[in-house]
Amino acid sequence: MKLCQGQVWKQGGEYIRIVRLERLEVEYKSMTSLAGNAGTKIVTSKKDFCRLLKDAHQQIGRASCRERV
């Protein structure tokens, strides 16, 4: 799985959007709806974030990863 800033994932009834992605840390926003801006920002390790996404599904049509040249 390749993580990119701006990706949106759905797990259960919540949406998870990657706000900031660093080498060892991820800041994400947990929201109940994509329509509004309301949500909770959470900072965690990349390892814990990948565990969180284990059963989540990526939303199609959102931010895509750019290949490094």
N, C-alpha and C. Protein backbone atom coordinates (compact mmCIF):
# COMPACT_ATOMS: atom_id res chain seq x y z
N MET A 1 0.85 -1.16 0.00
CA MET A 1 0.00 0.00 0.00
C MET A 1 0.90 1.23 0.00
N LYS A 2 0.59 2.18 -0.85
CA LYS A 2 1.36 3.42 -0.94
C LYS A 2 0.50 4.55 -0.36
N LEU A 3 1.02 5.21 0.64
CA LEU A 3 0.30 6.32 1.28
C LEU A 3 0.71 7.64 0.65
N CYS A 4 -0.26 8.53 0.45
CA CYS A 4 -0.01 9.86 -0.09
C CYS A 4 -0.86 10.88 0.67
N GLN A 5 -0.35 12.07 0.74
CA GLN A 5 -1.08 13.17 1.37
C GLN A 5 -2.34 13.43 0.57
N GLY A 6 -3.47 13.56 1.25
CA GLY A 6 -4.74 13.84 0.59
C GLY A 6 -5.59 12.61 0.32
N GLN A 7 -5.05 11.42 0.52
CA GLN A 7 -5.84 10.21 0.30
C GLN A 7 -6.98 10.14 1.30
N VAL A 8 -8.10 9.56 0.86
CA VAL A 8 -9.26 9.40 1.74
C VAL A 8 -9.58 7.91 1.82
N TRP A 9 -9.76 7.44 3.04
CA TRP A 9 -10.08 6.05 3.30
C TRP A 9 -11.38 5.98 4.07
N LYS A 10 -12.15 4.92 3.88
CA LYS A 10 -13.40 4.74 4.64
C LYS A 10 -13.28 3.47 5.46
N GLN A 11 -13.54 3.63 6.75
CA GLN A 11 -13.53 2.49 7.66
C GLN A 11 -14.78 2.56 8.50
N GLY A 12 -15.66 1.60 8.29
CA GLY A 12 -16.93 1.60 9.02
C GLY A 12 -17.74 2.83 8.62
N GLY A 13 -18.12 3.64 9.59
CA GLY A 13 -18.91 4.84 9.32
C GLY A 13 -18.10 6.12 9.30
N GLU A 14 -16.78 6.02 9.32
CA GLU A 14 -15.96 7.23 9.33
C GLU A 14 -15.02 7.28 8.13
N TYR A 15 -14.67 8.51 7.77
CA TYR A 15 -13.71 8.75 6.70
C TYR A 15 -12.41 9.24 7.32
N ILE A 16 -11.30 8.79 6.76
CA ILE A 16 -9.98 9.16 7.26
C ILE A 16 -9.21 9.79 6.11
N ARG A 17 -8.79 11.06 6.29
CA ARG A 17 -8.04 11.77 5.24
C ARG A 17 -6.64 12.09 5.76
N ILE A 18 -5.63 11.76 4.95
CA ILE A 18 -4.25 12.04 5.33
C ILE A 18 -3.97 13.52 5.11
N VAL A 19 -3.64 14.23 6.18
CA VAL A 19 -3.39 15.67 6.12
C VAL A 19 -1.90 15.95 5.90
N ARG A 20 -1.05 15.25 6.65
CA ARG A 20 0.40 15.44 6.55
C ARG A 20 1.06 14.08 6.68
N LEU A 21 1.98 13.82 5.77
CA LEU A 21 2.65 12.53 5.74
C LEU A 21 4.16 12.74 5.80
N GLU A 22 4.77 12.19 6.81
CA GLU A 22 6.23 12.28 6.97
C GLU A 22 6.81 10.88 7.03
N ARG A 23 8.11 10.79 7.20
CA ARG A 23 8.78 9.49 7.15
C ARG A 23 8.29 8.55 8.24
N LEU A 24 8.13 9.03 9.46
CA LEU A 24 7.74 8.17 10.57
C LEU A 24 6.42 8.58 11.22
N GLU A 25 5.78 9.62 10.73
CA GLU A 25 4.60 10.17 11.39
C GLU A 25 3.53 10.53 10.37
N VAL A 26 2.27 10.36 10.78
CA VAL A 26 1.12 10.70 9.93
C VAL A 26 0.16 11.56 10.73
N GLU A 27 -0.29 12.65 10.13
CA GLU A 27 -1.37 13.45 10.72
C GLU A 27 -2.58 13.22 9.84
N TYR A 28 -3.68 12.78 10.46
CA TYR A 28 -4.88 12.52 9.68
C TYR A 28 -6.10 13.14 10.35
N LYS A 29 -7.15 13.28 9.55
CA LYS A 29 -8.38 13.87 10.04
C LYS A 29 -9.47 12.81 9.96
N SER A 30 -10.13 12.56 11.05
CA SER A 30 -11.21 11.59 11.13
C SER A 30 -12.54 12.34 11.06
N MET A 31 -13.38 11.99 10.05
CA MET A 31 -14.64 12.70 9.83
C MET A 31 -15.77 11.70 9.65
N THR A 32 -16.99 12.12 9.97
CA THR A 32 -18.15 11.25 9.75
C THR A 32 -18.73 11.47 8.36
N SER A 33 -18.44 12.63 7.73
CA SER A 33 -18.94 12.94 6.40
C SER A 33 -17.89 13.71 5.61
N LEU A 34 -17.84 13.47 4.31
CA LEU A 34 -16.89 14.20 3.47
C LEU A 34 -17.42 15.58 3.09
N ALA A 35 -18.70 15.82 3.31
CA ALA A 35 -19.32 17.07 2.89
C ALA A 35 -18.81 18.28 3.68
N GLY A 36 -18.58 18.11 4.95
CA GLY A 36 -18.17 19.24 5.77
C GLY A 36 -16.69 19.20 6.12
N ASN A 37 -16.26 20.20 6.87
CA ASN A 37 -14.88 20.28 7.32
C ASN A 37 -14.71 19.81 8.75
N ALA A 38 -15.82 19.47 9.41
CA ALA A 38 -15.77 19.07 10.81
C ALA A 38 -15.11 17.71 10.96
N GLY A 39 -14.20 17.64 11.92
CA GLY A 39 -13.50 16.39 12.18
C GLY A 39 -12.43 16.58 13.23
N THR A 40 -11.79 15.50 13.58
CA THR A 40 -10.75 15.53 14.59
C THR A 40 -9.40 15.23 13.95
N LYS A 41 -8.40 16.10 14.18
CA LYS A 41 -7.05 15.86 13.68
C LYS A 41 -6.29 15.04 14.72
N ILE A 42 -5.61 14.01 14.22
CA ILE A 42 -4.87 13.10 15.08
C ILE A 42 -3.48 12.88 14.49
N VAL A 43 -2.45 12.88 15.34
CA VAL A 43 -1.07 12.60 14.91
C VAL A 43 -0.67 11.26 15.52
N THR A 44 -0.14 10.38 14.68
CA THR A 44 0.27 9.06 15.13
C THR A 44 1.47 8.57 14.33
N SER A 45 2.02 7.46 14.72
CA SER A 45 3.14 6.89 13.97
C SER A 45 2.60 6.24 12.70
N LYS A 46 3.46 6.12 11.71
CA LYS A 46 3.06 5.51 10.44
C LYS A 46 2.67 4.05 10.66
N LYS A 47 3.34 3.38 11.56
CA LYS A 47 3.05 1.98 11.86
C LYS A 47 1.64 1.83 12.42
N ASP A 48 1.27 2.67 13.38
CA ASP A 48 -0.07 2.62 13.96
C ASP A 48 -1.13 3.01 12.94
N PHE A 49 -0.80 3.97 12.07
CA PHE A 49 -1.76 4.39 11.04
C PHE A 49 -2.04 3.25 10.06
N CYS A 50 -1.02 2.52 9.67
CA CYS A 50 -1.21 1.38 8.76
C CYS A 50 -2.05 0.30 9.42
N ARG A 51 -1.89 0.11 10.72
CA ARG A 51 -2.74 -0.84 11.44
C ARG A 51 -4.20 -0.38 11.43
N LEU A 52 -4.40 0.92 11.56
CA LEU A 52 -5.75 1.49 11.53
C LEU A 52 -6.42 1.24 10.19
N LEU A 53 -5.65 1.31 9.10
CA LEU A 53 -6.20 1.15 7.76
C LEU A 53 -6.34 -0.30 7.32
N LYS A 54 -6.02 -1.23 8.18
CA LYS A 54 -6.00 -2.64 7.80
C LYS A 54 -7.31 -3.09 7.15
N ASP A 55 -8.45 -2.70 7.68
CA ASP A 55 -9.75 -3.11 7.14
C ASP A 55 -10.47 -1.98 6.40
N ALA A 56 -9.77 -0.90 6.13
CA ALA A 56 -10.38 0.26 5.46
C ALA A 56 -10.30 0.11 3.95
N HIS A 57 -11.15 0.88 3.25
CA HIS A 57 -11.18 0.89 1.79
C HIS A 57 -10.86 2.28 1.29
N GLN A 58 -9.97 2.37 0.31
CA GLN A 58 -9.60 3.68 -0.24
C GLN A 58 -10.72 4.18 -1.14
N GLN A 59 -11.03 5.46 -1.03
CA GLN A 59 -12.06 6.07 -1.86
C GLN A 59 -11.49 6.39 -3.24
N ILE A 60 -12.18 6.01 -4.28
CA ILE A 60 -11.73 6.23 -5.65
C ILE A 60 -11.96 7.69 -6.03
N GLY A 61 -11.05 8.23 -6.86
CA GLY A 61 -11.23 9.59 -7.37
C GLY A 61 -10.65 10.66 -6.47
N ARG A 62 -9.96 10.26 -5.44
CA ARG A 62 -9.32 11.24 -4.55
C ARG A 62 -7.89 11.44 -4.98
N ALA A 63 -7.09 12.04 -4.13
CA ALA A 63 -5.68 12.35 -4.46
C ALA A 63 -4.92 11.09 -4.88
N SER A 64 -4.11 11.22 -5.89
CA SER A 64 -3.31 10.08 -6.34
C SER A 64 -1.84 10.36 -6.03
N CYS A 65 -1.09 9.31 -5.89
CA CYS A 65 0.33 9.43 -5.59
C CYS A 65 1.09 9.75 -6.87
N ARG A 66 2.04 10.63 -6.76
CA ARG A 66 2.91 10.94 -7.90
C ARG A 66 4.16 10.09 -7.80
N GLU A 67 4.54 9.52 -8.90
CA GLU A 67 5.77 8.72 -8.94
C GLU A 67 6.97 9.64 -8.88
N ARG A 68 7.97 9.29 -8.07
CA ARG A 68 9.19 10.07 -8.00
C ARG A 68 10.08 9.69 -9.16
N VAL A 69 10.67 10.69 -9.80
CA VAL A 69 11.54 10.43 -10.96
C VAL A 69 12.99 10.50 -10.55
